[in-house]
C-alpha atoms as a PDB file:
ATOM      1  CA  MET A   1     -30.154 -29.668  19.965  1.00  0.00           C
ATOM      2  CA  LYS A   2     -31.496 -25.934  20.350  1.00  0.00           C
ATOM      3  CA  VAL A   3     -35.375 -25.937  20.623  1.00  0.00           C
ATOM      4  CA  TYR A   4     -37.816 -22.955  19.875  1.00  0.00           C
ATOM      5  CA  CYS A   5     -41.246 -22.098  20.052  1.00  0.00           C
ATOM      6  CA  ALA A   6     -42.955 -19.888  17.538  1.00  0.00           C
ATOM      7  CA  SER A   7     -46.265 -18.340  17.601  1.00  0.00           C
ATOM      8  CA  SER A   8     -46.167 -16.729  14.155  1.00  0.00           C
ATOM      9  CA  TYR A   9     -44.896 -16.932  10.622  1.00  0.00           C
ATOM     10  CA  ASP A  10     -42.636 -14.229  11.287  1.00  0.00           C
ATOM     11  CA  GLU A  11     -40.847 -15.826  14.211  1.00  0.00           C
ATOM     12  CA  ILE A  12     -40.310 -18.891  12.264  1.00  0.00           C
ATOM     13  CA  THR A  13     -38.478 -16.950   9.426  1.00  0.00           C
ATOM     14  CA  LYS A  14     -36.604 -15.073  11.890  1.00  0.00           C
ATOM     15  CA  ILE A  15     -34.998 -18.253  13.547  1.00  0.00           C
ATOM     16  CA  THR A  16     -34.402 -19.726  10.120  1.00  0.00           C
ATOM     17  CA  PHE A  17     -32.775 -16.531   8.725  1.00  0.00           C
ATOM     18  CA  ASP A  18     -30.220 -16.406  11.613  1.00  0.00           C
ATOM     19  CA  LEU A  19     -29.662 -20.140  11.058  1.00  0.00           C
ATOM     20  CA  LYS A  20     -28.811 -20.014   7.322  1.00  0.00           C
ATOM     21  CA  CYS A  21     -26.500 -16.975   8.402  1.00  0.00           C
ATOM     22  CA  ASN A  22     -24.727 -18.961  11.071  1.00  0.00           C
ATOM     23  CA  PHE A  23     -24.317 -21.943   8.642  1.00  0.00           C
ATOM     24  CA  ASN A  24     -23.783 -20.329   5.731  1.00  0.00           C
ATOM     25  CA  ASP A  25     -27.088 -21.375   4.108  1.00  0.00           C
ATOM     26  CA  GLU A  26     -26.041 -25.070   4.458  1.00  0.00           C
ATOM     27  CA  ILE A  27     -29.576 -25.974   5.870  1.00  0.00           C
ATOM     28  CA  LEU A  28     -32.426 -28.065   5.019  1.00  0.00           C
ATOM     29  CA  TYR A  29     -36.076 -28.323   6.383  1.00  0.00           C
ATOM     30  CA  ARG A  30     -38.781 -30.952   7.335  1.00  0.00           C
ATOM     31  CA  GLY A  31     -42.495 -30.419   8.445  1.00  0.00           C
ATOM     32  CA  THR A  32     -43.830 -33.203  10.410  1.00  0.00           C
ATOM     33  CA  THR A  33     -45.978 -34.181  13.090  1.00  0.00           C
ATOM     34  CA  ASN A  34     -44.383 -37.436  13.422  1.00  0.00           C
ATOM     35  CA  ASP A  35     -40.990 -38.886  14.678  1.00  0.00           C
ATOM     36  CA  LEU A  36     -38.094 -38.016  12.842  1.00  0.00           C
ATOM     37  CA  ILE A  37     -37.947 -41.473  11.152  1.00  0.00           C
ATOM     38  CA  PRO A  38     -38.386 -42.839   7.758  1.00  0.00           C
ATOM     39  CA  SER A  39     -41.357 -43.967   6.236  1.00  0.00           C
ATOM     40  CA  ILE A  40     -40.545 -47.843   6.212  1.00  0.00           C
ATOM     41  CA  VAL A  41     -40.033 -47.711   9.997  1.00  0.00           C
ATOM     42  CA  GLN A  42     -43.525 -45.975  10.379  1.00  0.00           C
ATOM     43  CA  LYS A  43     -45.158 -48.078   7.607  1.00  0.00           C
ATOM     44  CA  CYS A  44     -43.415 -51.825   8.253  1.00  0.00           C
ATOM     45  CA  SER A  45     -43.423 -54.091  10.862  1.00  0.00           C
ATOM     46  CA  TYR A  46     -40.150 -55.361  12.204  1.00  0.00           C
ATOM     47  CA  SER A  47     -38.262 -57.112  14.926  1.00  0.00           C
ATOM     48  CA  THR A  48     -34.951 -56.093  13.730  1.00  0.00           C
ATOM     49  CA  TYR A  49     -33.406 -53.511  11.258  1.00  0.00           C
ATOM     50  CA  GLU A  50     -32.366 -56.470   9.410  1.00  0.00           C
ATOM     51  CA  ASP A  51     -36.313 -56.970   8.888  1.00  0.00           C
ATOM     52  CA  LEU A  52     -36.563 -53.537   7.267  1.00  0.00           C
ATOM     53  CA  VAL A  53     -33.756 -54.257   5.119  1.00  0.00           C
ATOM     54  CA  VAL A  54     -35.434 -57.332   3.432  1.00  0.00           C
ATOM     55  CA  LYS A  55     -38.921 -55.539   3.361  1.00  0.00           C
ATOM     56  CA  GLU A  56     -37.289 -52.443   1.409  1.00  0.00           C
ATOM     57  CA  TYR A  57     -36.011 -54.585  -1.251  1.00  0.00           C
ATOM     58  CA  LEU A  58     -39.231 -56.735  -1.673  1.00  0.00           C
ATOM     59  CA  LEU A  59     -41.120 -53.329  -1.843  1.00  0.00           C
ATOM     60  CA  LEU A  60     -39.149 -51.972  -4.464  1.00  0.00           C
ATOM     61  CA  GLU A  61     -38.813 -55.183  -6.545  1.00  0.00           C
ATOM     62  CA  GLY A  62     -42.961 -55.163  -6.526  1.00  0.00           C
ATOM     63  CA  PHE A  63     -42.786 -51.553  -7.632  1.00  0.00           C
ATOM     64  CA  LYS A  64     -40.759 -52.334 -10.510  1.00  0.00           C
ATOM     65  CA  LYS A  65     -43.037 -54.968 -11.497  1.00  0.00           C
ATOM     66  CA  TYR A  66     -45.685 -52.453 -11.821  1.00  0.00           C
ATOM     67  CA  SER A  67     -44.049 -49.242 -12.577  1.00  0.00           C
ATOM     68  CA  HIS A  68     -45.168 -47.840 -16.175  1.00  0.00           C
ATOM     69  CA  LEU A  69     -42.845 -44.684 -15.658  1.00  0.00           C
ATOM     70  CA  LYS A  70     -40.346 -43.636 -17.966  1.00  0.00           C
ATOM     71  CA  TYR A  71     -37.044 -42.978 -16.617  1.00  0.00           C
ATOM     72  CA  LYS A  72     -34.051 -40.526 -17.617  1.00  0.00           C
ATOM     73  CA  PHE A  73     -31.565 -43.466 -16.806  1.00  0.00           C
ATOM     74  CA  LYS A  74     -31.334 -46.783 -18.626  1.00  0.00           C
ATOM     75  CA  GLU A  75     -29.258 -48.754 -16.476  1.00  0.00           C
ATOM     76  CA  GLY A  76     -26.740 -49.101 -13.298  1.00  0.00           C
ATOM     77  CA  ASP A  77     -26.849 -47.320  -9.857  1.00  0.00           C
ATOM     78  CA  ASN A  78     -28.090 -43.913 -11.364  1.00  0.00           C
ATOM     79  CA  LEU A  79     -31.224 -45.725 -12.653  1.00  0.00           C
ATOM     80  CA  GLU A  80     -31.668 -47.887  -9.246  1.00  0.00           C
ATOM     81  CA  TRP A  81     -31.603 -44.009  -7.172  1.00  0.00           C
ATOM     82  CA  GLU A  82     -34.113 -42.705  -9.919  1.00  0.00           C
ATOM     83  CA  ILE A  83     -36.579 -45.881  -9.395  1.00  0.00           C
ATOM     84  CA  ARG A  84     -36.012 -45.351  -5.230  1.00  0.00           C
ATOM     85  CA  ILE A  85     -36.909 -41.803  -5.403  1.00  0.00           C
ATOM     86  CA  ALA A  86     -39.861 -42.129  -8.080  1.00  0.00           C
ATOM     87  CA  ALA A  87     -41.332 -44.870  -5.929  1.00  0.00           C
ATOM     88  CA  ARG A  88     -41.140 -42.558  -2.841  1.00  0.00           C
ATOM     89  CA  GLU A  89     -43.337 -40.115  -4.625  1.00  0.00           C
ATOM     90  CA  HIS A  90     -45.989 -42.486  -5.201  1.00  0.00           C
ATOM     91  CA  GLY A  91     -45.970 -43.326  -1.781  1.00  0.00           C
ATOM     92  CA  LEU A  92     -43.727 -46.461  -1.466  1.00  0.00           C
ATOM     93  CA  ALA A  93     -42.137 -47.015   2.120  1.00  0.00           C
ATOM     94  CA  SER A  94     -38.457 -46.295   2.180  1.00  0.00           C
ATOM     95  CA  SER A  95     -35.520 -45.693   4.228  1.00  0.00           C
ATOM     96  CA  LEU A  96     -34.734 -42.720   2.673  1.00  0.00           C
ATOM     97  CA  MET A  97     -36.018 -39.195   4.502  1.00  0.00           C
ATOM     98  CA  ASP A  98     -36.754 -36.315   2.377  1.00  0.00           C
ATOM     99  CA  TRP A  99     -35.807 -32.850   3.509  1.00  0.00           C
ATOM    100  CA  SER A 100     -36.550 -30.023   1.423  1.00  0.00           C
ATOM    101  CA  ASN A 101     -34.738 -26.557   0.845  1.00  0.00           C
ATOM    102  CA  SER A 102     -38.174 -24.889   0.981  1.00  0.00           C
ATOM    103  CA  LEU A 103     -39.266 -23.425   4.390  1.00  0.00           C
ATOM    104  CA  ASP A 104     -42.682 -22.833   3.151  1.00  0.00           C
ATOM    105  CA  ILE A 105     -43.114 -26.290   1.706  1.00  0.00           C
ATOM    106  CA  ALA A 106     -41.754 -27.921   5.135  1.00  0.00           C
ATOM    107  CA  ILE A 107     -44.111 -25.473   7.065  1.00  0.00           C
ATOM    108  CA  GLU A 108     -47.212 -26.707   4.812  1.00  0.00           C
ATOM    109  CA  PHE A 109     -46.309 -30.322   5.559  1.00  0.00           C
ATOM    110  CA  ALA A 110     -45.992 -29.667   9.221  1.00  0.00           C
ATOM    111  CA  ILE A 111     -49.691 -28.160   9.459  1.00  0.00           C
ATOM    112  CA  TYR A 112     -51.513 -30.226   6.849  1.00  0.00           C
ATOM    113  CA  ASP A 113     -54.756 -31.421   8.207  1.00  0.00           C
ATOM    114  CA  PHE A 114     -53.718 -30.159  11.571  1.00  0.00           C
ATOM    115  CA  GLU A 115     -57.173 -29.934  13.054  1.00  0.00           C
ATOM    116  CA  ALA A 116     -58.162 -33.382  11.974  1.00  0.00           C
ATOM    117  CA  LYS A 117     -55.009 -34.982  13.929  1.00  0.00           C
ATOM    118  CA  ASN A 118     -56.391 -33.787  17.463  1.00  0.00           C
ATOM    119  CA  ILE A 119     -52.860 -32.964  18.555  1.00  0.00           C
ATOM    120  CA  ASP A 120     -51.364 -29.655  20.515  1.00  0.00           C
ATOM    121  CA  TYR A 121     -48.280 -29.154  18.251  1.00  0.00           C
ATOM    122  CA  THR A 122     -46.177 -29.731  15.271  1.00  0.00           C
ATOM    123  CA  THR A 123     -42.735 -29.288  14.311  1.00  0.00           C
ATOM    124  CA  ILE A 124     -40.499 -27.920  11.762  1.00  0.00           C
ATOM    125  CA  TRP A 125     -37.062 -29.471  11.746  1.00  0.00           C
ATOM    126  CA  ILE A 126     -33.963 -27.726  10.522  1.00  0.00           C
ATOM    127  CA  LEU A 127     -31.158 -29.848   9.776  1.00  0.00           C
ATOM    128  CA  ASN A 128     -27.360 -28.364   9.375  1.00  0.00           C
ATOM    129  CA  LYS A 129     -26.132 -30.487   6.497  1.00  0.00           C
ATOM    130  CA  SER A 130     -22.595 -28.811   6.390  1.00  0.00           C
ATOM    131  CA  LYS A 131     -21.198 -31.597   8.819  1.00  0.00           C
ATOM    132  CA  ILE A 132     -22.934 -34.217   6.967  1.00  0.00           C
ATOM    133  CA  LYS A 133     -21.301 -36.088   3.980  1.00  0.00           C
ATOM    134  CA  GLN A 134     -22.981 -34.942   0.666  1.00  0.00           C
ATOM    135  CA  ILE A 135     -23.566 -36.718  -2.597  1.00  0.00           C
ATOM    136  CA  SER A 136     -24.874 -35.482  -5.545  1.00  0.00           C
ATOM    137  CA  ILE A 137     -26.371 -37.891  -7.834  1.00  0.00           C
ATOM    138  CA  PRO A 138     -25.625 -38.636 -10.974  1.00  0.00           C
ATOM    139  CA  GLU A 139     -22.515 -36.364 -10.791  1.00  0.00           C
ATOM    140  CA  LYS A 140     -21.058 -39.001  -8.441  1.00  0.00           C
ATOM    141  CA  THR A 141     -22.374 -42.506  -9.253  1.00  0.00           C
ATOM    142  CA  ILE A 142     -22.724 -44.813  -6.018  1.00  0.00           C
ATOM    143  CA  ASN A 143     -24.532 -47.895  -5.278  1.00  0.00           C
ATOM    144  CA  PHE A 144     -27.182 -47.441  -2.760  1.00  0.00           C
ATOM    145  CA  ASN A 145     -25.817 -50.198  -0.402  1.00  0.00           C
ATOM    146  CA  GLN A 146     -22.265 -48.873  -0.459  1.00  0.00           C
ATOM    147  CA  ILE A 147     -23.304 -45.816   1.018  1.00  0.00           C
ATOM    148  CA  THR A 148     -22.310 -47.246   4.947  1.00  0.00           C
ATOM    149  CA  THR A 149     -22.106 -43.607   6.802  1.00  0.00           C
ATOM    150  CA  PRO A 150     -24.995 -40.603   7.359  1.00  0.00           C
ATOM    151  CA  SER A 151     -25.183 -38.878   3.847  1.00  0.00           C
ATOM    152  CA  ILE A 152     -27.402 -36.357   2.402  1.00  0.00           C
ATOM    153  CA  ILE A 153     -28.226 -37.321  -1.213  1.00  0.00           C
ATOM    154  CA  GLN A 154     -28.995 -34.754  -3.819  1.00  0.00           C
ATOM    155  CA  PHE A 155     -30.768 -36.338  -6.859  1.00  0.00           C
ATOM    156  CA  THR A 156     -29.981 -33.458  -9.260  1.00  0.00           C
ATOM    157  CA  PRO A 157     -32.632 -34.840 -12.048  1.00  0.00           C
ATOM    158  CA  TYR A 158     -35.407 -34.277  -9.513  1.00  0.00           C
ATOM    159  CA  ILE A 159     -36.720 -31.103 -10.948  1.00  0.00           C
ATOM    160  CA  GLU A 160     -36.553 -32.367 -14.549  1.00  0.00           C
ATOM    161  CA  SER A 161     -38.928 -35.671 -14.044  1.00  0.00           C
ATOM    162  CA  THR A 162     -42.711 -35.150 -14.228  1.00  0.00           C
ATOM    163  CA  TYR A 163     -43.437 -37.686 -11.602  1.00  0.00           C
ATOM    164  CA  TYR A 164     -41.779 -35.902  -8.891  1.00  0.00           C
ATOM    165  CA  LYS A 165     -43.792 -33.851  -6.270  1.00  0.00           C
ATOM    166  CA  ARG A 166     -43.532 -30.163  -5.993  1.00  0.00           C
ATOM    167  CA  LYS A 167     -40.805 -30.602  -8.458  1.00  0.00           C
ATOM    168  CA  PHE A 168     -39.496 -26.951  -8.693  1.00  0.00           C
ATOM    169  CA  ILE A 169     -39.300 -26.155  -4.944  1.00  0.00           C
ATOM    170  CA  GLN A 170     -38.759 -29.437  -3.268  1.00  0.00           C
ATOM    171  CA  GLY A 171     -35.029 -29.740  -4.017  1.00  0.00           C
ATOM    172  CA  GLY A 172     -34.573 -33.380  -4.218  1.00  0.00           C
ATOM    173  CA  PHE A 173     -32.840 -33.651  -0.818  1.00  0.00           C
ATOM    174  CA  PHE A 174     -32.773 -37.196   1.203  1.00  0.00           C
ATOM    175  CA  LEU A 175     -30.879 -38.387   4.034  1.00  0.00           C
ATOM    176  CA  LYS A 176     -29.409 -41.763   3.846  1.00  0.00           C
ATOM    177  CA  GLN A 177     -28.597 -43.409   7.156  1.00  0.00           C
ATOM    178  CA  PRO A 178     -26.799 -46.603   7.933  1.00  0.00           C
ATOM    179  CA  PHE A 179     -29.822 -49.282   8.209  1.00  0.00           C
ATOM    180  CA  GLN A 180     -28.785 -50.027  12.219  1.00  0.00           C
ATOM    181  CA  ASP A 181     -29.659 -46.391  12.809  1.00  0.00           C
ATOM    182  CA  ILE A 182     -33.051 -45.926  11.021  1.00  0.00           C
ATOM    183  CA  THR A 183     -35.520 -47.180  13.909  1.00  0.00           C
ATOM    184  CA  ASN A 184     -34.115 -44.423  16.155  1.00  0.00           C
ATOM    185  CA  PRO A 185     -35.556 -40.672  15.681  1.00  0.00           C
ATOM    186  CA  LEU A 186     -32.924 -38.340  14.544  1.00  0.00           C
ATOM    187  CA  ASN A 187     -33.413 -36.320  17.476  1.00  0.00           C
ATOM    188  CA  LEU A 188     -32.578 -38.976  19.788  1.00  0.00           C
ATOM    189  CA  ASN A 189     -29.266 -39.980  17.728  1.00  0.00           C
ATOM    190  CA  SER A 190     -26.417 -37.636  19.081  1.00  0.00           C
ATOM    191  CA  PHE A 191     -24.665 -37.740  15.701  1.00  0.00           C
ATOM    192  CA  TYR A 192     -27.719 -36.247  14.087  1.00  0.00           C
ATOM    193  CA  SER A 193     -29.239 -33.921  17.260  1.00  0.00           C
ATOM    194  CA  ASP A 194     -26.046 -32.147  17.399  1.00  0.00           C
ATOM    195  CA  HIS A 195     -26.954 -30.876  13.887  1.00  0.00           C
ATOM    196  CA  LEU A 196     -30.616 -30.377  14.653  1.00  0.00           C
ATOM    197  CA  THR A 197     -32.800 -27.348  15.335  1.00  0.00           C
ATOM    198  CA  GLN A 198     -36.421 -27.821  16.433  1.00  0.00           C
ATOM    199  CA  ILE A 199     -39.197 -25.333  15.945  1.00  0.00           C
ATOM    200  CA  ILE A 200     -42.421 -25.974  17.848  1.00  0.00           C
ATOM    201  CA  ILE A 201     -45.756 -24.742  16.646  1.00  0.00           C
ATOM    202  CA  LEU A 202     -47.976 -24.786  19.249  1.00  0.00           C
ATOM    203  CA  LYS A 203     -52.046 -25.396  18.248  1.00  0.00           C
ATOM    204  CA  ASP A 204     -53.251 -21.974  18.741  1.00  0.00           C
ATOM    205  CA  ALA A 205     -50.627 -20.529  16.345  1.00  0.00           C
ATOM    206  CA  VAL A 206     -51.176 -22.796  13.507  1.00  0.00           C
ATOM    207  CA  GLY A 207     -54.245 -20.798  12.108  1.00  0.00           C
ATOM    208  CA  GLY A 208     -52.504 -17.523  11.379  1.00  0.00           C
ATOM    209  CA  ILE A 209     -49.359 -19.224  10.200  1.00  0.00           C
ATOM    210  CA  TRP A 210     -51.468 -21.007   7.781  1.00  0.00           C
ATOM    211  CA  LYS A 211     -53.143 -17.787   6.460  1.00  0.00           C
ATOM    212  CA  LYS A 212     -49.618 -16.213   5.810  1.00  0.00           C
ATOM    213  CA  ILE A 213     -48.065 -19.448   3.843  1.00  0.00           C
ATOM    214  CA  ALA A 214     -51.662 -19.689   1.911  1.00  0.00           C
ATOM    215  CA  SER A 215     -50.471 -16.520   0.257  1.00  0.00           C
ATOM    216  CA  ASN A 216     -47.162 -18.085  -0.820  1.00  0.00           C
ATOM    217  CA  VAL A 217     -48.085 -21.581  -1.494  1.00  0.00           C
ATOM    218  CA  ASP A 218     -51.055 -22.979  -3.463  1.00  0.00           C
ATOM    219  CA  LEU A 219     -52.424 -25.045  -0.662  1.00  0.00           C
ATOM    220  CA  ASP A 220     -55.154 -26.696  -2.687  1.00  0.00           C
ATOM    221  CA  MET A 221     -52.495 -27.878  -5.370  1.00  0.00           C
ATOM    222  CA  PRO A 222     -52.355 -31.547  -5.017  1.00  0.00           C
ATOM    223  CA  ALA A 223     -48.929 -33.058  -3.815  1.00  0.00           C
ATOM    224  CA  MET A 224     -48.461 -34.641  -7.148  1.00  0.00           C
ATOM    225  CA  PRO A 225     -50.220 -33.578  -9.973  1.00  0.00           C
ATOM    226  CA  VAL A 226     -51.508 -36.583 -11.683  1.00  0.00           C
ATOM    227  CA  THR A 227     -51.768 -36.603 -15.819  1.00  0.00           C
ATOM    228  CA  ASN A 228     -53.571 -40.257 -16.078  1.00  0.00           C
ATOM    229  CA  ALA A 229     -55.494 -43.040 -14.374  1.00  0.00           C
ATOM    230  CA  SER A 230     -52.066 -44.946 -14.524  1.00  0.00           C
ATOM    231  CA  ASP A 231     -50.292 -42.530 -12.022  1.00  0.00           C
ATOM    232  CA  LYS A 232     -53.324 -42.936  -9.580  1.00  0.00           C
ATOM    233  CA  THR A 233     -53.510 -46.913  -9.875  1.00  0.00           C
ATOM    234  CA  LEU A 234     -49.559 -47.010  -8.986  1.00  0.00           C
ATOM    235  CA  ASP A 235     -50.378 -44.713  -5.935  1.00  0.00           C
ATOM    236  CA  LYS A 236     -52.666 -47.396  -4.925  1.00  0.00           C
ATOM    237  CA  ILE A 237     -50.467 -50.142  -5.885  1.00  0.00           C
ATOM    238  CA  CYS A 238     -47.653 -48.762  -3.612  1.00  0.00           C
ATOM    239  CA  LYS A 239     -50.445 -48.363  -0.669  1.00  0.00           C
ATOM    240  CA  ALA A 240     -51.086 -52.115  -0.987  1.00  0.00           C
ATOM    241  CA  LEU A 241     -47.636 -53.096  -1.101  1.00  0.00           C
ATOM    242  CA  ASN A 242     -47.087 -51.392   1.970  1.00  0.00           C
ATOM    243  CA  GLU A 243     -49.866 -52.882   3.607  1.00  0.00           C
ATOM    244  CA  ASN A 244     -48.535 -56.542   2.644  1.00  0.00           C
ATOM    245  CA  TYR A 245     -45.910 -55.608   5.299  1.00  0.00           C
ATOM    246  CA  ALA A 246     -47.353 -53.572   7.959  1.00  0.00           C
END
């Protein structure tokens, strides 16, 4: 795994441009101050990964009981995928890890609320997806539990649905891992680390980078535009469901 330290927006774009050329544009981005683990590992307690399998099932069943959302698909595996991904957008803990095809959005997530976190650096991760199995839903219909090898899921209806965050620029890409791997950060897993690049943004560089992307991305835009009180309530319900298994 290669590691870079960037002190400006231009340095970040230079690094990522070179990576795009090297990997034929087959890269995705994730900006985070946390470990490279899915939200279910961050938000739910567990003794073994089997605990997380059960808790993800119970969380999703709880979401289904409350969800008022209108879905594109009416039945089958495609509906199940749509529900899982929609639930993530409302904050439900998930074993799916989202990645973006937008560098600016990844940077935004990396530096979001940086000063309040009292940390020394944040990270942009770049994943070379060309060597990882890729599945496009619904072009290929497959059951969630039948995917037992590392896979990049692209949910193509993502940009069409009103309940998805950043729907025009996020892309709808999700990493599906074997459950036995999800508690181990990707960068510490030899399979993924071979396909990862880390760009570290030090504290002193965050302000200048923030100013640069503020001209590219509306940083005041809410992560998920809410059209009614029911959407806000569903966010709160998902938060409460997560807390039940914390």
